PDB file of N, CA and C in Angstrom:
ATOM      1  N   MET A   1      17.851  15.975  10.151  1.00  0.00           N
ATOM      2  CA  MET A   1      16.419  14.744   9.013  1.00  0.00           C
ATOM      3  C   MET A   1      15.250  14.910   9.842  1.00  0.00           C
ATOM      4  N   PRO A   2      13.951  15.410   8.883  1.00  0.00           N
ATOM      5  CA  PRO A   2      12.999  15.775   9.441  1.00  0.00           C
ATOM      6  C   PRO A   2      12.362  14.874  10.005  1.00  0.00           C
ATOM      7  N   PHE A   3      11.341  15.027  10.835  1.00  0.00           N
ATOM      8  CA  PHE A   3      10.461  13.698  11.506  1.00  0.00           C
ATOM      9  C   PHE A   3       9.332  13.347  10.414  1.00  0.00           C
ATOM     10  N   PRO A   4       9.177  11.973  10.135  1.00  0.00           N
ATOM     11  CA  PRO A   4       8.244  11.536   9.359  1.00  0.00           C
ATOM     12  C   PRO A   4       6.870  12.200   9.560  1.00  0.00           C
ATOM     13  N   SER A   5       6.079  12.408   8.468  1.00  0.00           N
ATOM     14  CA  SER A   5       4.935  12.655   8.556  1.00  0.00           C
ATOM     15  C   SER A   5       4.240  11.815   7.619  1.00  0.00           C
ATOM     16  N   SER A   6       2.708  12.051   7.670  1.00  0.00           N
ATOM     17  CA  SER A   6       1.602  11.250   7.146  1.00  0.00           C
ATOM     18  C   SER A   6       1.317  12.233   5.977  1.00  0.00           C
ATOM     19  N   LEU A   7       1.463  11.662   4.902  1.00  0.00           N
ATOM     20  CA  LEU A   7       1.648  12.061   3.263  1.00  0.00           C
ATOM     21  C   LEU A   7      -0.337  11.541   3.134  1.00  0.00           C
ATOM     22  N   ALA A   8      -0.654  10.635   3.581  1.00  0.00           N
ATOM     23  CA  ALA A   8      -1.969  10.852   3.026  1.00  0.00           C
ATOM     24  C   ALA A   8      -2.400   9.167   3.720  1.00  0.00           C
ATOM     25  N   ASN A   9      -3.964   9.246   4.075  1.00  0.00           N
ATOM     26  CA  ASN A   9      -4.744   7.896   4.874  1.00  0.00           C
ATOM     27  C   ASN A   9      -5.826   7.910   4.571  1.00  0.00           C
ATOM     28  N   GLY A  10      -6.309   6.695   4.912  1.00  0.00           N
ATOM     29  CA  GLY A  10      -7.546   6.759   5.059  1.00  0.00           C
ATOM     30  C   GLY A  10      -8.504   5.105   5.282  1.00  0.00           C
ATOM     31  N   SER A  11      -9.360   4.669   5.095  1.00  0.00           N
ATOM     32  CA  SER A  11      -9.743   3.332   4.820  1.00  0.00           C
ATOM     33  C   SER A  11     -10.223   3.067   3.759  1.00  0.00           C
ATOM     34  N   GLN A  12     -10.078   1.580   3.919  1.00  0.00           N
ATOM     35  CA  GLN A  12     -10.606   1.341   2.168  1.00  0.00           C
ATOM     36  C   GLN A  12     -11.684   0.297   2.439  1.00  0.00           C
ATOM     37  N   ALA A  13     -12.747   0.017   2.228  1.00  0.00           N
ATOM     38  CA  ALA A  13     -13.466  -0.861   2.247  1.00  0.00           C
ATOM     39  C   ALA A  13     -13.257  -2.202   1.048  1.00  0.00           C
ATOM     40  N   CYS A  14     -12.831  -3.029   0.900  1.00  0.00           N
ATOM     41  CA  CYS A  14     -12.255  -4.008  -0.035  1.00  0.00           C
ATOM     42  C   CYS A  14     -13.669  -4.723  -0.640  1.00  0.00           C
ATOM     43  N   THR A  15     -13.920  -4.669  -1.872  1.00  0.00           N
ATOM     44  CA  THR A  15     -15.048  -5.603  -2.515  1.00  0.00           C
ATOM     45  C   THR A  15     -13.793  -6.963  -2.970  1.00  0.00           C
ATOM     46  N   ILE A  16     -14.431  -7.946  -2.757  1.00  0.00           N
ATOM     47  CA  ILE A  16     -13.408  -9.170  -2.751  1.00  0.00           C
ATOM     48  C   ILE A  16     -13.425  -9.041  -4.371  1.00  0.00           C
ATOM     49  N   THR A  17     -12.043  -9.295  -5.009  1.00  0.00           N
ATOM     50  CA  THR A  17     -11.362  -9.455  -6.049  1.00  0.00           C
ATOM     51  C   THR A  17     -11.572  -8.151  -6.846  1.00  0.00           C
ATOM     52  N   THR A  18     -11.670  -7.112  -6.297  1.00  0.00           N
ATOM     53  CA  THR A  18     -11.339  -5.652  -6.740  1.00  0.00           C
ATOM     54  C   THR A  18     -10.390  -5.257  -6.384  1.00  0.00           C
ATOM     55  N   VAL A  19      -9.143  -4.317  -7.390  1.00  0.00           N
ATOM     56  CA  VAL A  19      -8.172  -3.677  -6.930  1.00  0.00           C
ATOM     57  C   VAL A  19      -8.613  -2.275  -6.636  1.00  0.00           C
ATOM     58  N   HIS A  20      -8.136  -1.818  -5.675  1.00  0.00           N
ATOM     59  CA  HIS A  20      -8.422  -0.740  -4.894  1.00  0.00           C
ATOM     60  C   HIS A  20      -7.259   0.593  -5.043  1.00  0.00           C
ATOM     61  N   THR A  21      -7.512   1.539  -5.278  1.00  0.00           N
ATOM     62  CA  THR A  21      -6.345   2.549  -5.531  1.00  0.00           C
ATOM     63  C   THR A  21      -6.405   3.106  -4.204  1.00  0.00           C
ATOM     64  N   LEU A  22      -5.379   3.113  -3.462  1.00  0.00           N
ATOM     65  CA  LEU A  22      -5.363   3.730  -2.348  1.00  0.00           C
ATOM     66  C   LEU A  22      -4.505   5.342  -2.387  1.00  0.00           C
ATOM     67  N   GLN A  23      -3.562   5.519  -3.061  1.00  0.00           N
ATOM     68  CA  GLN A  23      -3.089   6.603  -3.499  1.00  0.00           C
ATOM     69  C   GLN A  23      -2.068   6.662  -4.680  1.00  0.00           C
ATOM     70  N   THR A  24      -1.898   8.029  -5.268  1.00  0.00           N
ATOM     71  CA  THR A  24      -0.841   7.646  -6.166  1.00  0.00           C
ATOM     72  C   THR A  24       0.115   9.173  -5.353  1.00  0.00           C
ATOM     73  N   VAL A  25       1.141   8.688  -5.261  1.00  0.00           N
ATOM     74  CA  VAL A  25       2.161   9.859  -4.804  1.00  0.00           C
ATOM     75  C   VAL A  25       3.186  10.052  -5.822  1.00  0.00           C
ATOM     76  N   ASN A  26       3.060  11.627  -6.454  1.00  0.00           N
ATOM     77  CA  ASN A  26       4.569  12.160  -6.889  1.00  0.00           C
ATOM     78  C   ASN A  26       5.516  12.555  -6.095  1.00  0.00           C
ATOM     79  N   GLY A  27       6.764  12.560  -6.856  1.00  0.00           N
ATOM     80  CA  GLY A  27       8.084  12.618  -6.147  1.00  0.00           C
ATOM     81  C   GLY A  27       8.454  13.896  -6.230  1.00  0.00           C
ATOM     82  N   PRO A  28       9.435  14.175  -5.889  1.00  0.00           N
ATOM     83  CA  PRO A  28      10.406  13.235  -5.372  1.00  0.00           C
ATOM     84  C   PRO A  28      10.172  13.141  -3.875  1.00  0.00           C
ATOM     85  N   ALA A  29      10.267  11.661  -3.137  1.00  0.00           N
ATOM     86  CA  ALA A  29       9.982  11.375  -1.941  1.00  0.00           C
ATOM     87  C   ALA A  29      10.276  10.161  -1.440  1.00  0.00           C
ATOM     88  N   THR A  30      10.414  10.008  -0.016  1.00  0.00           N
ATOM     89  CA  THR A  30      10.838   8.586   0.136  1.00  0.00           C
ATOM     90  C   THR A  30       9.519   8.362   1.295  1.00  0.00           C
ATOM     91  N   VAL A  31       8.715   7.306   0.955  1.00  0.00           N
ATOM     92  CA  VAL A  31       7.617   7.018   1.892  1.00  0.00           C
ATOM     93  C   VAL A  31       7.569   5.559   2.368  1.00  0.00           C
ATOM     94  N   GLU A  32       6.705   5.082   2.881  1.00  0.00           N
ATOM     95  CA  GLU A  32       6.245   3.981   3.298  1.00  0.00           C
ATOM     96  C   GLU A  32       5.082   3.693   3.470  1.00  0.00           C
ATOM     97  N   LEU A  33       4.441   2.257   3.088  1.00  0.00           N
ATOM     98  CA  LEU A  33       2.901   1.746   3.356  1.00  0.00           C
ATOM     99  C   LEU A  33       2.681   1.063   4.665  1.00  0.00           C
ATOM    100  N   HIS A  34       1.993   2.062   4.959  1.00  0.00           N
ATOM    101  CA  HIS A  34       1.365   1.325   6.654  1.00  0.00           C
ATOM    102  C   HIS A  34      -0.134   0.486   6.543  1.00  0.00           C
ATOM    103  N   LEU A  35      -0.387  -0.947   6.806  1.00  0.00           N
ATOM    104  CA  LEU A  35      -1.687  -1.097   6.864  1.00  0.00           C
ATOM    105  C   LEU A  35      -1.924  -1.952   7.697  1.00  0.00           C
ATOM    106  N   ASP A  36      -2.860  -1.941   8.562  1.00  0.00           N
ATOM    107  CA  ASP A  36      -3.943  -2.263   9.793  1.00  0.00           C
ATOM    108  C   ASP A  36      -4.814  -3.604   9.080  1.00  0.00           C
ATOM    109  N   VAL A  37      -4.004  -4.725   8.922  1.00  0.00           N
ATOM    110  CA  VAL A  37      -4.628  -5.952   8.615  1.00  0.00           C
ATOM    111  C   VAL A  37      -5.180  -6.764  10.006  1.00  0.00           C
ATOM    112  N   ASN A  38      -5.533  -6.102  11.076  1.00  0.00           N
ATOM    113  CA  ASN A  38      -6.191  -7.061  12.422  1.00  0.00           C
ATOM    114  C   ASN A  38      -7.785  -7.412  11.597  1.00  0.00           C
ATOM    115  N   ALA A  39      -8.076  -6.964  10.456  1.00  0.00           N
ATOM    116  CA  ALA A  39      -9.468  -7.340  10.107  1.00  0.00           C
ATOM    117  C   ALA A  39      -9.797  -8.356   9.473  1.00  0.00           C
ATOM    118  N   LEU A  40      -8.495  -8.847   9.053  1.00  0.00           N
ATOM    119  CA  LEU A  40      -8.269  -9.833   7.852  1.00  0.00           C
ATOM    120  C   LEU A  40      -8.513 -11.707   8.954  1.00  0.00           C
ATOM    121  N   ALA A  41      -9.442 -12.402   8.467  1.00  0.00           N
ATOM    122  CA  ALA A  41      -9.579 -13.638   9.335  1.00  0.00           C
ATOM    123  C   ALA A  41      -8.438 -14.367   9.036  1.00  0.00           C
ATOM    124  N   ALA A  42      -8.201 -15.554   9.642  1.00  0.00           N
ATOM    125  CA  ALA A  42      -6.943 -16.247   9.595  1.00  0.00           C
ATOM    126  C   ALA A  42      -6.559 -17.040   8.293  1.00  0.00           C
ATOM    127  N   ASP A  43      -7.577 -17.000   7.562  1.00  0.00           N
ATOM    128  CA  ASP A  43      -7.763 -17.888   6.036  1.00  0.00           C
ATOM    129  C   ASP A  43      -7.627 -16.807   4.931  1.00  0.00           C
ATOM    130  N   GLU A  44      -7.672 -15.587   5.297  1.00  0.00           N
ATOM    131  CA  GLU A  44      -7.871 -14.241   4.324  1.00  0.00           C
ATOM    132  C   GLU A  44      -6.334 -13.620   4.099  1.00  0.00           C
ATOM    133  N   THR A  45      -6.269 -13.027   2.830  1.00  0.00           N
ATOM    134  CA  THR A  45      -5.380 -12.492   2.772  1.00  0.00           C
ATOM    135  C   THR A  45      -5.611 -11.346   1.720  1.00  0.00           C
ATOM    136  N   LEU A  46      -4.505 -10.498   1.711  1.00  0.00           N
ATOM    137  CA  LEU A  46      -4.567  -9.290   1.166  1.00  0.00           C
ATOM    138  C   LEU A  46      -3.650  -8.945   0.182  1.00  0.00           C
ATOM    139  N   GLU A  47      -3.449  -8.895  -0.886  1.00  0.00           N
ATOM    140  CA  GLU A  47      -2.850  -8.802  -1.927  1.00  0.00           C
ATOM    141  C   GLU A  47      -2.477  -6.885  -1.986  1.00  0.00           C
ATOM    142  N   VAL A  48      -0.926  -6.657  -1.689  1.00  0.00           N
ATOM    143  CA  VAL A  48      -0.849  -5.307  -2.154  1.00  0.00           C
ATOM    144  C   VAL A  48       0.537  -4.872  -3.148  1.00  0.00           C
ATOM    145  N   ALA A  49       0.103  -4.006  -3.869  1.00  0.00           N
ATOM    146  CA  ALA A  49       1.281  -3.611  -4.609  1.00  0.00           C
ATOM    147  C   ALA A  49       1.399  -2.633  -5.237  1.00  0.00           C
ATOM    148  N   VAL A  50       2.718  -2.232  -5.807  1.00  0.00           N
ATOM    149  CA  VAL A  50       3.442  -0.886  -5.581  1.00  0.00           C
ATOM    150  C   VAL A  50       3.567  -0.672  -7.246  1.00  0.00           C
ATOM    151  N   ASN A  51       3.243   0.483  -7.854  1.00  0.00           N
ATOM    152  CA  ASN A  51       3.684   0.736  -9.236  1.00  0.00           C
ATOM    153  C   ASN A  51       4.063   1.801  -8.924  1.00  0.00           C
ATOM    154  N   LEU A  52       5.052   2.158 -10.440  1.00  0.00           N
ATOM    155  CA  LEU A  52       5.817   3.411 -10.225  1.00  0.00           C
ATOM    156  C   LEU A  52       6.231   3.129 -11.756  1.00  0.00           C
ATOM    157  N   LYS A  53       6.743   4.665 -12.474  1.00  0.00           N
ATOM    158  CA  LYS A  53       7.213   4.921 -13.486  1.00  0.00           C
ATOM    159  C   LYS A  53       8.612   5.131 -13.469  1.00  0.00           C
ATOM    160  N   VAL A  54       9.853   4.283 -13.995  1.00  0.00           N
ATOM    161  CA  VAL A  54      10.952   5.035 -13.864  1.00  0.00           C
ATOM    162  C   VAL A  54      11.427   6.666 -14.343  1.00  0.00           C
ATOM    163  N   LEU A  55      10.568   6.881 -15.394  1.00  0.00           N
ATOM    164  CA  LEU A  55      10.786   8.327 -16.281  1.00  0.00           C
ATOM    165  C   LEU A  55       9.244   8.998 -16.201  1.00  0.00           C
ATOM    166  N   SER A  56       9.092   9.990 -16.389  1.00  0.00           N
ATOM    167  CA  SER A  56       7.960  10.814 -16.145  1.00  0.00           C
ATOM    168  C   SER A  56       7.465  10.671 -17.497  1.00  0.00           C
ATOM    169  N   GLY A  57       7.499  10.328 -18.925  1.00  0.00           N
ATOM    170  CA  GLY A  57       6.977   9.912 -19.582  1.00  0.00           C
ATOM    171  C   GLY A  57       7.115   7.967 -20.099  1.00  0.00           C
ATOM    172  N   GLY A  58       7.465   7.378 -19.132  1.00  0.00           N
ATOM    173  CA  GLY A  58       7.565   5.857 -19.023  1.00  0.00           C
ATOM    174  C   GLY A  58       6.282   5.294 -18.615  1.00  0.00           C
ATOM    175  N   THR A  59       6.094   4.069 -18.799  1.00  0.00           N
ATOM    176  CA  THR A  59       5.305   3.077 -18.490  1.00  0.00           C
ATOM    177  C   THR A  59       5.278   2.743 -17.089  1.00  0.00           C
ATOM    178  N   VAL A  60       3.907   2.790 -16.698  1.00  0.00           N
ATOM    179  CA  VAL A  60       3.764   2.396 -15.092  1.00  0.00           C
ATOM    180  C   VAL A  60       3.941   0.718 -15.296  1.00  0.00           C
ATOM    181  N   ARG A  61       4.903   0.397 -13.984  1.00  0.00           N
ATOM    182  CA  ARG A  61       5.174  -1.419 -13.930  1.00  0.00           C
ATOM    183  C   ARG A  61       5.301  -1.437 -12.431  1.00  0.00           C
ATOM    184  N   ASN A  62       5.071  -2.451 -12.451  1.00  0.00           N
ATOM    185  CA  ASN A  62       5.250  -3.437 -10.751  1.00  0.00           C
ATOM    186  C   ASN A  62       6.350  -3.344 -10.171  1.00  0.00           C
ATOM    187  N   LEU A  63       6.824  -2.589  -9.341  1.00  0.00           N
ATOM    188  CA  LEU A  63       7.476  -2.529  -8.491  1.00  0.00           C
ATOM    189  C   LEU A  63       7.657  -3.768  -7.302  1.00  0.00           C
ATOM    190  N   PHE A  64       6.754  -4.072  -6.613  1.00  0.00           N
ATOM    191  CA  PHE A  64       6.496  -5.469  -6.215  1.00  0.00           C
ATOM    192  C   PHE A  64       5.278  -5.755  -5.941  1.00  0.00           C
ATOM    193  N   THR A  65       4.824  -6.674  -5.507  1.00  0.00           N
ATOM    194  CA  THR A  65       3.550  -7.259  -5.124  1.00  0.00           C
ATOM    195  C   THR A  65       3.568  -8.189  -3.714  1.00  0.00           C
ATOM    196  N   ASP A  66       2.742  -8.097  -2.806  1.00  0.00           N
ATOM    197  CA  ASP A  66       3.480  -9.232  -1.516  1.00  0.00           C
ATOM    198  C   ASP A  66       1.930  -9.379  -0.978  1.00  0.00           C
ATOM    199  N   ASN A  67       1.827 -10.145  -0.146  1.00  0.00           N
ATOM    200  CA  ASN A  67       0.612 -10.692   0.372  1.00  0.00           C
ATOM    201  C   ASN A  67       0.680 -10.257   1.912  1.00  0.00           C
ATOM    202  N   ALA A  68      -0.212  -9.470   2.628  1.00  0.00           N
ATOM    203  CA  ALA A  68      -0.577  -9.724   3.716  1.00  0.00           C
ATOM    204  C   ALA A  68      -1.742 -10.729   4.323  1.00  0.00           C
ATOM    205  N   LYS A  69      -1.267 -11.424   5.234  1.00  0.00           N
ATOM    206  CA  LYS A  69      -1.920 -12.560   5.623  1.00  0.00           C
ATOM    207  C   LYS A  69      -2.647 -12.239   6.999  1.00  0.00           C
ATOM    208  N   GLY A  70      -3.913 -12.870   7.062  1.00  0.00           N
ATOM    209  CA  GLY A  70      -4.967 -12.768   8.478  1.00  0.00           C
ATOM    210  C   GLY A  70      -4.262 -13.703   9.200  1.00  0.00           C
ATOM    211  N   GLY A  71      -4.749 -13.345  10.418  1.00  0.00           N
ATOM    212  CA  GLY A  71      -4.311 -14.397  12.081  1.00  0.00           C
ATOM    213  C   GLY A  71      -2.761 -14.018  12.287  1.00  0.00           C
ATOM    214  N   ALA A  72      -1.771 -13.194  11.372  1.00  0.00           N
ATOM    215  CA  ALA A  72      -0.442 -13.228  11.523  1.00  0.00           C
ATOM    216  C   ALA A  72      -0.191 -12.774  12.963  1.00  0.00           C
ATOM    217  N   THR A  73       1.073 -12.702  13.673  1.00  0.00           N
ATOM    218  CA  THR A  73       0.864 -12.246  14.990  1.00  0.00           C
ATOM    219  C   THR A  73       1.364 -10.821  14.837  1.00  0.00           C
ATOM    220  N   GLU A  74       1.732 -10.203  13.415  1.00  0.00           N
ATOM    221  CA  GLU A  74       1.954  -8.941  13.378  1.00  0.00           C
ATOM    222  C   GLU A  74       0.813  -8.565  12.523  1.00  0.00           C
ATOM    223  N   LYS A  75       0.067  -7.193  13.327  1.00  0.00           N
ATOM    224  CA  LYS A  75      -1.177  -6.760  12.713  1.00  0.00           C
ATOM    225  C   LYS A  75      -1.009  -5.737  11.701  1.00  0.00           C
ATOM    226  N   ILE A  76       0.343  -4.659  11.330  1.00  0.00           N
ATOM    227  CA  ILE A  76       0.524  -3.790  11.091  1.00  0.00           C
ATOM    228  C   ILE A  76       1.596  -4.538   9.859  1.00  0.00           C
ATOM    229  N   TRP A  77       0.781  -4.423   8.384  1.00  0.00           N
ATOM    230  CA  TRP A  77       1.717  -4.687   7.527  1.00  0.00           C
ATOM    231  C   TRP A  77       2.624  -3.238   6.787  1.00  0.00           C
ATOM    232  N   ARG A  78       3.618  -3.714   6.868  1.00  0.00           N
ATOM    233  CA  ARG A  78       4.618  -2.133   6.190  1.00  0.00           C
ATOM    234  C   ARG A  78       5.603  -2.600   5.145  1.00  0.00           C
ATOM    235  N   SER A  79       5.499  -1.574   4.021  1.00  0.00           N
ATOM    236  CA  SER A  79       6.319  -1.922   2.771  1.00  0.00           C
ATOM    237  C   SER A  79       7.579  -1.814   2.732  1.00  0.00           C
ATOM    238  N   GLY A  80       8.224  -0.941   3.839  1.00  0.00           N
ATOM    239  CA  GLY A  80       9.632  -0.602   3.838  1.00  0.00           C
ATOM    240  C   GLY A  80       9.610   0.628   2.953  1.00  0.00           C
ATOM    241  N   PRO A  81      10.880   1.163   3.283  1.00  0.00           N
ATOM    242  CA  PRO A  81      11.090   2.411   2.071  1.00  0.00           C
ATOM    243  C   PRO A  81      11.194   2.593   0.861  1.00  0.00           C
ATOM    244  N   ILE A  82      10.058   3.753   0.032  1.00  0.00           N
ATOM    245  CA  ILE A  82      10.302   2.849  -1.219  1.00  0.00           C
ATOM    246  C   ILE A  82      10.662   4.716  -2.223  1.00  0.00           C
ATOM    247  N   VAL A  83      11.585   4.517  -2.518  1.00  0.00           N
ATOM    248  CA  VAL A  83      12.215   6.038  -2.928  1.00  0.00           C
ATOM    249  C   VAL A  83      11.250   6.382  -4.570  1.00  0.00           C
ATOM    250  N   ILE A  84      10.851   7.545  -4.515  1.00  0.00           N
ATOM    251  CA  ILE A  84       9.609   7.685  -5.566  1.00  0.00           C
ATOM    252  C   ILE A  84      10.774   8.991  -6.198  1.00  0.00           C
ATOM    253  N   LEU A  85      10.952   8.866  -7.435  1.00  0.00           N
ATOM    254  CA  LEU A  85      11.715  10.281  -7.889  1.00  0.00           C
ATOM    255  C   LEU A  85      10.509  10.773  -9.028  1.00  0.00           C
ATOM    256  N   ASN A  86      10.573  11.552  -9.756  1.00  0.00           N
ATOM    257  CA  ASN A  86       9.454  12.724 -10.452  1.00  0.00           C
ATOM    258  C   ASN A  86       8.619  11.803 -10.906  1.00  0.00           C
ATOM    259  N   ALA A  87       8.500  10.649 -11.190  1.00  0.00           N
ATOM    260  CA  ALA A  87       7.674   9.968 -12.017  1.00  0.00           C
ATOM    261  C   ALA A  87       6.424   9.513 -11.205  1.00  0.00           C
ATOM    262  N   GLY A  88       6.230   8.993  -9.968  1.00  0.00           N
ATOM    263  CA  GLY A  88       5.164   8.867  -8.889  1.00  0.00           C
ATOM    264  C   GLY A  88       4.894   7.700  -8.893  1.00  0.00           C
ATOM    265  N   ALA A  89       4.204   7.178  -7.523  1.00  0.00           N
ATOM    266  CA  ALA A  89       4.078   5.556  -7.452  1.00  0.00           C
ATOM    267  C   ALA A  89       2.618   5.478  -7.066  1.00  0.00           C
ATOM    268  N   THR A  90       1.977   4.495  -7.406  1.00  0.00           N
ATOM    269  CA  THR A  90       0.399   4.097  -6.842  1.00  0.00           C
ATOM    270  C   THR A  90       0.412   2.698  -6.354  1.00  0.00           C
ATOM    271  N   PHE A  91      -0.379   3.088  -4.939  1.00  0.00           N
ATOM    272  CA  PHE A  91      -0.246   1.978  -4.302  1.00  0.00           C
ATOM    273  C   PHE A  91      -1.763   1.418  -4.231  1.00  0.00           C
ATOM    274  N   THR A  92      -1.794   0.065  -4.105  1.00  0.00           N
ATOM    275  CA  THR A  92      -2.944  -0.208  -4.615  1.00  0.00           C
ATOM    276  C   THR A  92      -3.111  -1.888  -3.296  1.00  0.00           C
ATOM    277  N   ILE A  93      -4.631  -2.342  -3.019  1.00  0.00           N
ATOM    278  CA  ILE A  93      -4.753  -3.407  -2.397  1.00  0.00           C
ATOM    279  C   ILE A  93      -5.788  -4.273  -3.193  1.00  0.00           C
ATOM    280  N   MET A  94      -6.190  -5.498  -3.149  1.00  0.00           N
ATOM    281  CA  MET A  94      -6.769  -6.189  -3.472  1.00  0.00           C
ATOM    282  C   MET A  94      -7.062  -7.677  -2.626  1.00  0.00           C
ATOM    283  N   GLN A  95      -8.407  -7.683  -2.360  1.00  0.00           N
ATOM    284  CA  GLN A  95      -8.499  -9.056  -1.108  1.00  0.00           C
ATOM    285  C   GLN A  95      -9.239 -10.070  -2.068  1.00  0.00           C
ATOM    286  N   PRO A  96      -8.306 -11.234  -2.719  1.00  0.00           N
ATOM    287  CA  PRO A  96      -8.978 -12.003  -3.338  1.00  0.00           C
ATOM    288  C   PRO A  96     -10.314 -13.135  -2.775  1.00  0.00           C
ATOM    289  N   THR A  97      -9.957 -13.335  -1.181  1.00  0.00           N
ATOM    290  CA  THR A  97     -11.226 -14.138  -1.352  1.00  0.00           C
ATOM    291  C   THR A  97     -11.857 -13.486   0.457  1.00  0.00           C
ATOM    292  N   GLY A  98     -12.885 -14.550   0.768  1.00  0.00           N
ATOM    293  CA  GLY A  98     -13.263 -14.155   2.335  1.00  0.00           C
ATOM    294  C   GLY A  98     -14.290 -13.376   2.202  1.00  0.00           C
ATOM    295  N   THR A  99     -14.508 -12.495   3.404  1.00  0.00           N
ATOM    296  CA  THR A  99     -15.439 -11.545   3.712  1.00  0.00           C
ATOM    297  C   THR A  99     -14.829 -10.186   3.288  1.00  0.00           C
ATOM    298  N   GLY A 100     -15.272  -9.375   2.555  1.00  0.00           N
ATOM    299  CA  GLY A 100     -14.284  -8.056   2.286  1.00  0.00           C
ATOM    300  C   GLY A 100     -14.335  -7.292   3.476  1.00  0.00           C
ATOM    301  N   ARG A 101     -13.093  -6.691   3.794  1.00  0.00           N
ATOM    302  CA  ARG A 101     -12.816  -6.200   5.079  1.00  0.00           C
ATOM    303  C   ARG A 101     -12.532  -4.440   4.862  1.00  0.00           C
ATOM    304  N   THR A 102     -12.394  -3.923   5.899  1.00  0.00           N
ATOM    305  CA  THR A 102     -12.099  -2.456   5.738  1.00  0.00           C
ATOM    306  C   THR A 102     -10.759  -2.394   6.519  1.00  0.00           C
ATOM    307  N   ILE A 103     -10.051  -2.346   5.513  1.00  0.00           N
ATOM    308  CA  ILE A 103      -8.358  -1.758   5.724  1.00  0.00           C
ATOM    309  C   ILE A 103      -8.392   0.000   6.240  1.00  0.00           C
ATOM    310  N   ASP A 104      -7.555   0.141   7.137  1.00  0.00           N
ATOM    311  CA  ASP A 104      -6.857   1.336   7.651  1.00  0.00           C
ATOM    312  C   ASP A 104      -5.707   1.497   6.958  1.00  0.00           C
ATOM    313  N   TRP A 105      -5.367   2.591   6.500  1.00  0.00           N
ATOM    314  CA  TRP A 105      -4.267   2.638   5.441  1.00  0.00           C
ATOM    315  C   TRP A 105      -3.651   4.188   5.761  1.00  0.00           C
ATOM    316  N   ASN A 106      -1.979   4.089   5.955  1.00  0.00           N
ATOM    317  CA  ASN A 106      -1.075   5.031   6.120  1.00  0.00           C
ATOM    318  C   ASN A 106       0.091   5.160   5.202  1.00  0.00           C
ATOM    319  N   ILE A 107       0.318   6.151   4.565  1.00  0.00           N
ATOM    320  CA  ILE A 107       1.633   6.388   3.771  1.00  0.00           C
ATOM    321  C   ILE A 107       2.526   7.610   4.109  1.00  0.00           C
ATOM    322  N   ALA A 108       3.135   7.108   5.175  1.00  0.00           N
ATOM    323  CA  ALA A 108       4.332   7.795   5.975  1.00  0.00           C
ATOM    324  C   ALA A 108       5.394   8.618   4.747  1.00  0.00           C
ATOM    325  N   GLN A 109       5.442   9.902   5.136  1.00  0.00           N
ATOM    326  CA  GLN A 109       6.540  10.814   4.374  1.00  0.00           C
ATOM    327  C   GLN A 109       7.922  10.779   5.246  1.00  0.00           C
ATOM    328  N   LEU A 110       9.073  10.001   4.657  1.00  0.00           N
ATOM    329  CA  LEU A 110       9.939  10.300   5.387  1.00  0.00           C
ATOM    330  C   LEU A 110      10.817  11.097   5.139  1.00  0.00           C
ATOM    331  N   SER A 111      11.035  11.420   3.673  1.00  0.00           N
ATOM    332  CA  SER A 111      11.943  12.506   3.519  1.00  0.00           C
ATOM    333  C   SER A 111      11.005  13.548   1.758  1.00  0.00           C
TER     334      SER A 111
END
């Protein structure tokens, strides 16, 4: 099994209530999203969404949405493995309230 590698990464300056697309990844691949949420204050959250198509000609649908919370013991949020077939997946974040923060992110390619 090959060692995981960074498929894409960067820093996203959040504008409150704006959905920011981090990356669209085309398959086939198994990936995992990592977010450094240390910058979030204790009362702030970051909405994380993964959207994908089941078939190449299909409609983009939400696979899951989760909230990363500021002030948590864990300063790194991770998605867990996401299997992307041929159609691709899009990773987004949105900070609904608070002071706009800059979030470092990485998409690790597991296979």
